[in-house]
C-alpha atoms as a PDB file:
ATOM      1  CA  MET A   1     -16.248   8.561  17.902  1.00  0.00           C
ATOM      2  CA  ASN A   2     -16.918   9.098  14.130  1.00  0.00           C
ATOM      3  CA  HIS A   3     -14.789   6.605  12.028  1.00  0.00           C
ATOM      4  CA  THR A   4     -15.849   7.980   8.631  1.00  0.00           C
ATOM      5  CA  VAL A   5     -12.822   8.934   6.698  1.00  0.00           C
ATOM      6  CA  VAL A   6     -13.090  12.167   4.757  1.00  0.00           C
ATOM      7  CA  ARG A   7      -9.492  12.984   4.225  1.00  0.00           C
ATOM      8  CA  TYR A   8      -5.817  11.974   4.536  1.00  0.00           C
ATOM      9  CA  ALA A   9      -2.706  13.762   5.769  1.00  0.00           C
ATOM     10  CA  ALA A  10       0.704  12.623   4.704  1.00  0.00           C
ATOM     11  CA  ALA A  11       4.384  13.415   5.248  1.00  0.00           C
ATOM     12  CA  ALA A  12       7.682  11.775   3.998  1.00  0.00           C
ATOM     13  CA  VAL A  13      11.413  11.796   4.676  1.00  0.00           C
ATOM     14  CA  THR A  14      14.013  10.116   2.708  1.00  0.00           C
ATOM     15  CA  ASP A  15      17.690   9.863   3.892  1.00  0.00           C
ATOM     16  CA  VAL A  16      20.932   8.447   2.238  1.00  0.00           C
ATOM     17  CA  GLY A  17      21.816   6.539   5.475  1.00  0.00           C
ATOM     18  CA  ARG A  18      25.271   6.168   6.877  1.00  0.00           C
ATOM     19  CA  LYS A  19      26.976   3.937   4.377  1.00  0.00           C
ATOM     20  CA  ARG A  20      25.790   4.830   0.893  1.00  0.00           C
ATOM     21  CA  SER A  21      27.156   7.754  -1.107  1.00  0.00           C
ATOM     22  CA  SER A  22      23.809   8.391  -2.939  1.00  0.00           C
ATOM     23  CA  ASN A  23      20.207   8.090  -2.444  1.00  0.00           C
ATOM     24  CA  GLN A  24      18.417   5.864  -4.828  1.00  0.00           C
ATOM     25  CA  ASP A  25      15.020   6.023  -3.016  1.00  0.00           C
ATOM     26  CA  THR A  26      12.315   8.238  -4.392  1.00  0.00           C
ATOM     27  CA  PHE A  27       8.923   9.046  -2.792  1.00  0.00           C
ATOM     28  CA  GLY A  28       5.869  10.805  -4.373  1.00  0.00           C
ATOM     29  CA  LEU A  29       2.608  11.988  -2.928  1.00  0.00           C
ATOM     30  CA  SER A  30      -0.384  13.961  -3.646  1.00  0.00           C
ATOM     31  CA  ALA A  31      -2.837  14.080  -0.690  1.00  0.00           C
ATOM     32  CA  GLU A  32      -5.282  15.941  -2.917  1.00  0.00           C
ATOM     33  CA  HIS A  33      -5.548  12.962  -5.165  1.00  0.00           C
ATOM     34  CA  GLY A  34      -5.047  10.247  -2.616  1.00  0.00           C
ATOM     35  CA  VAL A  35      -1.771   8.939  -4.142  1.00  0.00           C
ATOM     36  CA  PHE A  36       1.222   7.907  -2.092  1.00  0.00           C
ATOM     37  CA  LEU A  37       4.263   6.155  -3.403  1.00  0.00           C
ATOM     38  CA  VAL A  38       7.761   4.945  -2.316  1.00  0.00           C
ATOM     39  CA  CYS A  39      10.406   3.462  -4.877  1.00  0.00           C
ATOM     40  CA  ASP A  40      13.835   1.937  -4.041  1.00  0.00           C
ATOM     41  CA  GLY A  41      16.079   2.014  -7.078  1.00  0.00           C
ATOM     42  CA  MET A  42      18.691  -0.440  -8.072  1.00  0.00           C
ATOM     43  CA  GLY A  43      21.552  -0.320 -10.594  1.00  0.00           C
ATOM     44  CA  GLY A  44      25.157   0.964 -10.963  1.00  0.00           C
ATOM     45  CA  ALA A  45      26.229   4.599 -10.751  1.00  0.00           C
ATOM     46  CA  ALA A  46      22.924   6.686 -10.821  1.00  0.00           C
ATOM     47  CA  ALA A  47      20.932   4.157 -12.725  1.00  0.00           C
ATOM     48  CA  GLY A  48      18.814   3.130  -9.546  1.00  0.00           C
ATOM     49  CA  GLU A  49      17.971   6.825  -8.838  1.00  0.00           C
ATOM     50  CA  VAL A  50      16.861   7.263 -12.451  1.00  0.00           C
ATOM     51  CA  ALA A  51      14.632   4.181 -12.324  1.00  0.00           C
ATOM     52  CA  SER A  52      12.939   5.161  -8.904  1.00  0.00           C
ATOM     53  CA  ALA A  53      12.424   8.746 -10.180  1.00  0.00           C
ATOM     54  CA  ILE A  54      10.863   7.573 -13.381  1.00  0.00           C
ATOM     55  CA  ALA A  55       8.447   5.188 -11.728  1.00  0.00           C
ATOM     56  CA  ALA A  56       7.376   7.694  -9.019  1.00  0.00           C
ATOM     57  CA  GLU A  57       6.767  10.568 -11.629  1.00  0.00           C
ATOM     58  CA  GLU A  58       4.929   8.269 -14.101  1.00  0.00           C
ATOM     59  CA  MET A  59       2.659   6.708 -11.388  1.00  0.00           C
ATOM     60  CA  LEU A  60       1.826  10.150  -9.946  1.00  0.00           C
ATOM     61  CA  ARG A  61       1.161  11.507 -13.440  1.00  0.00           C
ATOM     62  CA  LEU A  62      -1.216   8.776 -14.421  1.00  0.00           C
ATOM     63  CA  LEU A  63      -2.948   8.449 -11.016  1.00  0.00           C
ATOM     64  CA  CYS A  64      -3.616  11.948 -10.238  1.00  0.00           C
ATOM     65  CA  ASP A  65      -5.378  12.145 -13.513  1.00  0.00           C
ATOM     66  CA  ARG A  66      -7.587   9.031 -13.009  1.00  0.00           C
ATOM     67  CA  ASP A  67     -10.714  10.984 -13.151  1.00  0.00           C
ATOM     68  CA  LYS A  68     -10.414  11.194 -16.878  1.00  0.00           C
ATOM     69  CA  ALA A  69     -10.519   7.329 -17.088  1.00  0.00           C
ATOM     70  CA  GLY A  70     -14.291   7.360 -16.265  1.00  0.00           C
ATOM     71  CA  ALA A  71     -15.752   4.313 -14.337  1.00  0.00           C
ATOM     72  CA  ALA A  72     -12.930   1.993 -14.793  1.00  0.00           C
ATOM     73  CA  PRO A  73     -12.100  -0.090 -11.552  1.00  0.00           C
ATOM     74  CA  LEU A  74      -9.331   1.385  -9.437  1.00  0.00           C
ATOM     75  CA  GLU A  75      -7.316  -1.795  -9.684  1.00  0.00           C
ATOM     76  CA  THR A  76      -7.411  -1.702 -13.437  1.00  0.00           C
ATOM     77  CA  LEU A  77      -6.156   1.760 -13.611  1.00  0.00           C
ATOM     78  CA  LEU A  78      -3.450   0.886 -11.138  1.00  0.00           C
ATOM     79  CA  ALA A  79      -2.242  -2.127 -13.180  1.00  0.00           C
ATOM     80  CA  GLU A  80      -2.280   0.149 -16.361  1.00  0.00           C
ATOM     81  CA  ALA A  81      -0.175   2.666 -14.556  1.00  0.00           C
ATOM     82  CA  ILE A  82       2.347   0.034 -13.293  1.00  0.00           C
ATOM     83  CA  ARG A  83       2.780  -1.416 -16.780  1.00  0.00           C
ATOM     84  CA  ALA A  84       3.259   2.003 -18.146  1.00  0.00           C
ATOM     85  CA  SER A  85       5.927   2.784 -15.446  1.00  0.00           C
ATOM     86  CA  ASN A  86       7.663  -0.448 -16.180  1.00  0.00           C
ATOM     87  CA  GLN A  87       7.725   0.325 -19.779  1.00  0.00           C
ATOM     88  CA  ALA A  88       8.980   3.904 -19.311  1.00  0.00           C
ATOM     89  CA  ILE A  89      11.968   2.456 -17.337  1.00  0.00           C
ATOM     90  CA  LEU A  90      12.826  -0.119 -19.984  1.00  0.00           C
ATOM     91  CA  SER A  91      12.532   2.527 -22.792  1.00  0.00           C
ATOM     92  CA  ARG A  92      15.054   4.851 -21.065  1.00  0.00           C
ATOM     93  CA  ALA A  93      17.504   2.128 -20.505  1.00  0.00           C
ATOM     94  CA  GLN A  94      17.233   1.205 -24.175  1.00  0.00           C
ATOM     95  CA  ARG A  95      18.200   4.757 -25.151  1.00  0.00           C
ATOM     96  CA  ASN A  96      21.085   4.885 -22.762  1.00  0.00           C
ATOM     97  CA  PRO A  97      23.430   1.960 -22.420  1.00  0.00           C
ATOM     98  CA  ARG A  98      24.713   3.217 -19.076  1.00  0.00           C
ATOM     99  CA  LEU A  99      21.452   2.683 -17.463  1.00  0.00           C
ATOM    100  CA  PHE A 100      21.098  -1.034 -18.698  1.00  0.00           C
ATOM    101  CA  GLY A 101      19.808  -3.278 -15.924  1.00  0.00           C
ATOM    102  CA  MET A 102      18.393  -0.477 -13.726  1.00  0.00           C
ATOM    103  CA  GLY A 103      15.134  -1.231 -11.856  1.00  0.00           C
ATOM    104  CA  THR A 104      13.064  -0.219  -8.760  1.00  0.00           C
ATOM    105  CA  THR A 105      10.683  -1.507  -6.277  1.00  0.00           C
ATOM    106  CA  LEU A 106       7.444   0.221  -5.848  1.00  0.00           C
ATOM    107  CA  VAL A 107       5.031   0.278  -2.985  1.00  0.00           C
ATOM    108  CA  GLY A 108       1.836   2.610  -3.086  1.00  0.00           C
ATOM    109  CA  LEU A 109      -1.360   3.416  -1.529  1.00  0.00           C
ATOM    110  CA  VAL A 110      -4.304   5.054  -3.356  1.00  0.00           C
ATOM    111  CA  THR A 111      -7.463   6.076  -1.525  1.00  0.00           C
ATOM    112  CA  GLU A 112     -11.118   7.033  -2.434  1.00  0.00           C
ATOM    113  CA  GLY A 113     -12.861   7.883   0.634  1.00  0.00           C
ATOM    114  CA  ARG A 114     -12.684   5.040   3.065  1.00  0.00           C
ATOM    115  CA  ARG A 115     -11.697   2.644   0.183  1.00  0.00           C
ATOM    116  CA  ALA A 116      -7.861   2.137  -0.087  1.00  0.00           C
ATOM    117  CA  VAL A 117      -5.945   0.038  -2.413  1.00  0.00           C
ATOM    118  CA  VAL A 118      -2.308  -0.917  -1.523  1.00  0.00           C
ATOM    119  CA  PHE A 119      -0.107  -2.432  -4.207  1.00  0.00           C
ATOM    120  CA  ASN A 120       3.591  -3.346  -4.460  1.00  0.00           C
ATOM    121  CA  VAL A 121       6.250  -4.811  -6.596  1.00  0.00           C
ATOM    122  CA  GLY A 122       9.478  -5.925  -4.760  1.00  0.00           C
ATOM    123  CA  ASP A 123      10.386  -5.682  -1.015  1.00  0.00           C
ATOM    124  CA  SER A 124       9.395  -2.088  -0.139  1.00  0.00           C
ATOM    125  CA  ARG A 125       6.563  -2.522   2.370  1.00  0.00           C
ATOM    126  CA  CYS A 126       3.197  -1.075   3.505  1.00  0.00           C
ATOM    127  CA  TYR A 127       2.069  -1.367   7.128  1.00  0.00           C
ATOM    128  CA  ARG A 128      -1.075  -0.059   8.909  1.00  0.00           C
ATOM    129  CA  LEU A 129      -1.113   0.795  12.521  1.00  0.00           C
ATOM    130  CA  ARG A 130      -4.730   0.704  13.783  1.00  0.00           C
ATOM    131  CA  ALA A 131      -5.905   2.433  16.942  1.00  0.00           C
ATOM    132  CA  PRO A 132      -7.064   0.054  19.762  1.00  0.00           C
ATOM    133  CA  GLY A 133     -10.854  -0.820  19.581  1.00  0.00           C
ATOM    134  CA  LEU A 134     -11.026  -0.754  15.758  1.00  0.00           C
ATOM    135  CA  PRO A 135     -11.369  -4.058  13.618  1.00  0.00           C
ATOM    136  CA  ARG A 136      -8.115  -5.571  12.411  1.00  0.00           C
ATOM    137  CA  SER A 137      -6.886  -8.738  10.785  1.00  0.00           C
ATOM    138  CA  GLU A 138      -4.380  -9.512  13.523  1.00  0.00           C
ATOM    139  CA  PRO A 139      -5.345 -10.138  17.083  1.00  0.00           C
ATOM    140  CA  GLU A 140      -4.406  -7.843  19.957  1.00  0.00           C
ATOM    141  CA  PRO A 141      -1.890  -6.712  21.066  1.00  0.00           C
ATOM    142  CA  ARG A 142      -0.255  -6.552  17.527  1.00  0.00           C
ATOM    143  CA  LEU A 143      -1.452  -3.360  16.154  1.00  0.00           C
ATOM    144  CA  LEU A 144       0.978  -2.899  13.395  1.00  0.00           C
ATOM    145  CA  GLU A 145       0.137  -5.040  10.487  1.00  0.00           C
ATOM    146  CA  GLN A 146       2.369  -5.689   7.346  1.00  0.00           C
ATOM    147  CA  ILE A 147      -0.111  -5.376   4.428  1.00  0.00           C
ATOM    148  CA  THR A 148       2.147  -6.166   1.539  1.00  0.00           C
ATOM    149  CA  LEU A 149       4.114  -9.418   0.914  1.00  0.00           C
ATOM    150  CA  ASP A 150       7.813  -9.029   0.236  1.00  0.00           C
ATOM    151  CA  HIS A 151       8.811 -10.099  -3.344  1.00  0.00           C
ATOM    152  CA  SER A 152      12.233 -11.422  -2.247  1.00  0.00           C
ATOM    153  CA  LEU A 153      13.944 -15.038  -2.384  1.00  0.00           C
ATOM    154  CA  VAL A 154      14.235 -15.282   1.259  1.00  0.00           C
ATOM    155  CA  ALA A 155      10.679 -14.071   1.900  1.00  0.00           C
ATOM    156  CA  GLU A 156       9.093 -16.621  -0.564  1.00  0.00           C
ATOM    157  CA  GLN A 157      11.304 -19.363   1.183  1.00  0.00           C
ATOM    158  CA  VAL A 158       9.784 -18.395   4.527  1.00  0.00           C
ATOM    159  CA  ARG A 159       6.343 -18.493   3.031  1.00  0.00           C
ATOM    160  CA  MET A 160       6.819 -22.089   1.741  1.00  0.00           C
ATOM    161  CA  GLY A 161       8.341 -23.188   5.140  1.00  0.00           C
ATOM    162  CA  ARG A 162      11.756 -23.847   3.700  1.00  0.00           C
ATOM    163  CA  MET A 163      13.443 -21.127   5.930  1.00  0.00           C
ATOM    164  CA  SER A 164      12.758 -19.594   9.320  1.00  0.00           C
ATOM    165  CA  ARG A 165      12.406 -15.769   9.727  1.00  0.00           C
ATOM    166  CA  ASP A 166      15.678 -15.875  11.702  1.00  0.00           C
ATOM    167  CA  GLN A 167      17.471 -17.676   8.938  1.00  0.00           C
ATOM    168  CA  ALA A 168      16.116 -15.319   6.358  1.00  0.00           C
ATOM    169  CA  GLN A 169      17.610 -12.298   8.351  1.00  0.00           C
ATOM    170  CA  ILE A 170      21.104 -13.740   8.065  1.00  0.00           C
ATOM    171  CA  SER A 171      20.958 -15.290   4.799  1.00  0.00           C
ATOM    172  CA  PRO A 172      23.527 -13.954   2.153  1.00  0.00           C
ATOM    173  CA  LEU A 173      20.482 -13.970  -0.243  1.00  0.00           C
ATOM    174  CA  HIS A 174      18.656 -11.512   2.029  1.00  0.00           C
ATOM    175  CA  ASN A 175      18.659  -8.711  -0.694  1.00  0.00           C
ATOM    176  CA  VAL A 176      17.747 -10.668  -3.799  1.00  0.00           C
ATOM    177  CA  ILE A 177      14.260  -9.424  -4.963  1.00  0.00           C
ATOM    178  CA  THR A 178      12.205 -11.550  -7.358  1.00  0.00           C
ATOM    179  CA  ARG A 179      10.094  -8.724  -8.842  1.00  0.00           C
ATOM    180  CA  ALA A 180      10.843  -5.223  -9.789  1.00  0.00           C
ATOM    181  CA  LEU A 181       9.900  -2.483 -12.292  1.00  0.00           C
ATOM    182  CA  GLY A 182      12.228  -2.154 -15.261  1.00  0.00           C
ATOM    183  CA  THR A 183      13.874  -5.497 -15.354  1.00  0.00           C
ATOM    184  CA  GLU A 184      11.485  -7.472 -17.482  1.00  0.00           C
ATOM    185  CA  PRO A 185       8.954  -6.687 -20.128  1.00  0.00           C
ATOM    186  CA  ASP A 186       6.095  -7.865 -17.851  1.00  0.00           C
ATOM    187  CA  VAL A 187       5.464  -7.186 -14.158  1.00  0.00           C
ATOM    188  CA  GLU A 188       3.060  -8.820 -11.681  1.00  0.00           C
ATOM    189  CA  PRO A 189       1.984  -6.446  -8.837  1.00  0.00           C
ATOM    190  CA  ASP A 190       0.049  -7.520  -5.722  1.00  0.00           C
ATOM    191  CA  PHE A 191      -3.034  -5.559  -4.792  1.00  0.00           C
ATOM    192  CA  PHE A 192      -4.653  -5.337  -1.393  1.00  0.00           C
ATOM    193  CA  ALA A 193      -8.003  -3.680  -0.915  1.00  0.00           C
ATOM    194  CA  LEU A 194      -8.873  -2.260   2.443  1.00  0.00           C
ATOM    195  CA  GLU A 195     -11.506  -0.153   4.272  1.00  0.00           C
ATOM    196  CA  ALA A 196      -9.730   2.620   6.141  1.00  0.00           C
ATOM    197  CA  GLU A 197     -10.987   3.842   9.520  1.00  0.00           C
ATOM    198  CA  ALA A 198     -10.308   7.473  10.922  1.00  0.00           C
ATOM    199  CA  GLY A 199      -7.237   7.206  13.038  1.00  0.00           C
ATOM    200  CA  ASP A 200      -5.517   4.485  10.829  1.00  0.00           C
ATOM    201  CA  LEU A 201      -1.914   5.272  10.204  1.00  0.00           C
ATOM    202  CA  PHE A 202      -0.140   3.715   6.951  1.00  0.00           C
ATOM    203  CA  LEU A 203       3.505   3.479   6.665  1.00  0.00           C
ATOM    204  CA  LEU A 204       5.100   2.979   3.290  1.00  0.00           C
ATOM    205  CA  CYS A 205       8.889   2.374   3.331  1.00  0.00           C
ATOM    206  CA  SER A 206      11.926   1.041   1.705  1.00  0.00           C
ATOM    207  CA  ASP A 207      13.937  -1.891   3.207  1.00  0.00           C
ATOM    208  CA  GLY A 208      16.434   0.540   4.447  1.00  0.00           C
ATOM    209  CA  LEU A 209      14.150   1.025   7.366  1.00  0.00           C
ATOM    210  CA  THR A 210      12.920  -2.606   7.743  1.00  0.00           C
ATOM    211  CA  ASN A 211      16.326  -4.141   7.520  1.00  0.00           C
ATOM    212  CA  GLU A 212      17.425  -2.135  10.459  1.00  0.00           C
ATOM    213  CA  LEU A 213      14.226  -2.021  12.678  1.00  0.00           C
ATOM    214  CA  ASP A 214      11.918  -4.863  13.608  1.00  0.00           C
ATOM    215  CA  ASP A 215       8.139  -4.334  13.576  1.00  0.00           C
ATOM    216  CA  ALA A 216       7.970  -3.892  17.361  1.00  0.00           C
ATOM    217  CA  ARG A 217      10.391  -1.162  17.206  1.00  0.00           C
ATOM    218  CA  ILE A 218       8.574   0.552  14.432  1.00  0.00           C
ATOM    219  CA  ALA A 219       5.221   0.334  16.291  1.00  0.00           C
ATOM    220  CA  SER A 220       6.710   1.746  19.346  1.00  0.00           C
ATOM    221  CA  ILE A 221       8.021   4.913  17.403  1.00  0.00           C
ATOM    222  CA  LEU A 222       4.719   5.259  15.633  1.00  0.00           C
ATOM    223  CA  ALA A 223       2.656   4.944  18.869  1.00  0.00           C
ATOM    224  CA  VAL A 224       3.867   8.294  20.122  1.00  0.00           C
ATOM    225  CA  ASP A 225       1.372  11.242  19.432  1.00  0.00           C
ATOM    226  CA  LEU A 226       3.499  13.517  17.169  1.00  0.00           C
ATOM    227  CA  PRO A 227       3.144  15.220  13.902  1.00  0.00           C
ATOM    228  CA  LEU A 228       3.604  12.967  10.911  1.00  0.00           C
ATOM    229  CA  ASP A 229       6.816  14.733   9.752  1.00  0.00           C
ATOM    230  CA  LYS A 230       8.420  14.216  13.206  1.00  0.00           C
ATOM    231  CA  LEU A 231       7.457  10.566  13.160  1.00  0.00           C
ATOM    232  CA  CYS A 232       9.069  10.100   9.784  1.00  0.00           C
ATOM    233  CA  ALA A 233      12.234  11.843  11.142  1.00  0.00           C
ATOM    234  CA  ASN A 234      12.203   9.575  14.242  1.00  0.00           C
ATOM    235  CA  LEU A 235      12.002   6.404  12.121  1.00  0.00           C
ATOM    236  CA  VAL A 236      14.816   7.447   9.866  1.00  0.00           C
ATOM    237  CA  ALA A 237      16.987   8.484  12.976  1.00  0.00           C
ATOM    238  CA  ALA A 238      16.335   5.122  14.571  1.00  0.00           C
ATOM    239  CA  ALA A 239      17.331   3.207  11.408  1.00  0.00           C
ATOM    240  CA  ASN A 240      20.464   5.295  11.178  1.00  0.00           C
ATOM    241  CA  GLN A 241      21.237   4.613  14.812  1.00  0.00           C
ATOM    242  CA  ALA A 242      20.813   0.929  14.213  1.00  0.00           C
ATOM    243  CA  GLY A 243      23.377   1.040  11.271  1.00  0.00           C
ATOM    244  CA  GLY A 244      21.989   2.923   8.424  1.00  0.00           C
ATOM    245  CA  ARG A 245      23.351   0.549   5.931  1.00  0.00           C
ATOM    246  CA  ASP A 246      21.026   1.576   3.122  1.00  0.00           C
ATOM    247  CA  ASN A 247      18.930   4.406   2.011  1.00  0.00           C
ATOM    248  CA  ILE A 248      16.009   4.978   4.240  1.00  0.00           C
ATOM    249  CA  THR A 249      12.614   6.246   3.263  1.00  0.00           C
ATOM    250  CA  CYS A 250       9.392   6.586   5.230  1.00  0.00           C
ATOM    251  CA  LEU A 251       5.991   7.946   4.095  1.00  0.00           C
ATOM    252  CA  LEU A 252       3.159   8.198   6.527  1.00  0.00           C
ATOM    253  CA  VAL A 253      -0.442   8.500   5.633  1.00  0.00           C
ATOM    254  CA  ARG A 254      -3.082   9.150   8.452  1.00  0.00           C
ATOM    255  CA  ALA A 255      -6.718   8.724   7.735  1.00  0.00           C
ATOM    256  CA  GLN A 256      -8.811  11.532   9.387  1.00  0.00           C
ATOM    257  CA  SER A 257     -12.538  12.062   9.977  1.00  0.00           C
END
């Protein structure tokens, strides 16, 4: 099998869920430019929806034009785009007091041939499902790998050994995030550089999915050979069946030869 990646296919679905009255998630994608994003907004009234839309629009605008930046490293361009998106949200809130305090998470994937860079701020996640027989950082049989690290209070407690994963799931502080766009003048994203292989399936999602479905359930849904839009719809349907307590957004990207 030829594992050389030459193109990427993508699909996304966003859903309000079963408990919320509005959808504050936003996704953005341009398969042509290799840019894929999910944002989960926060803030009263429509503020979270505004913040996530600003972040997705600004990131897409800047990253789809990255050829104009010359030979600058991709991580440098990403950091600049994230800073600009953060400032755009802050500026909008300063002009409209009703939007004060709004913010959004951000998770994204940008590709250049086989090279892929994942980045995140907050607790929206990126996973990779790798086909059997291909190299992976996790041993068999765990084929679904969480690439990003959650920027949340409980996740940081788990990483420091102060809380178990089970305790984190039931903690009243479960939804407290420690990094977001639009809440502070400076923002610190994480970056993860990867080499994609043909057959790799990347999932970008908001916590409306991962709070309802564990990794094993997500992997079982993604393991079925279906078109990407159908897989997205199946993930959303399963999250709604499990409770649907938040907005749910899934964006799938498949590397192809």
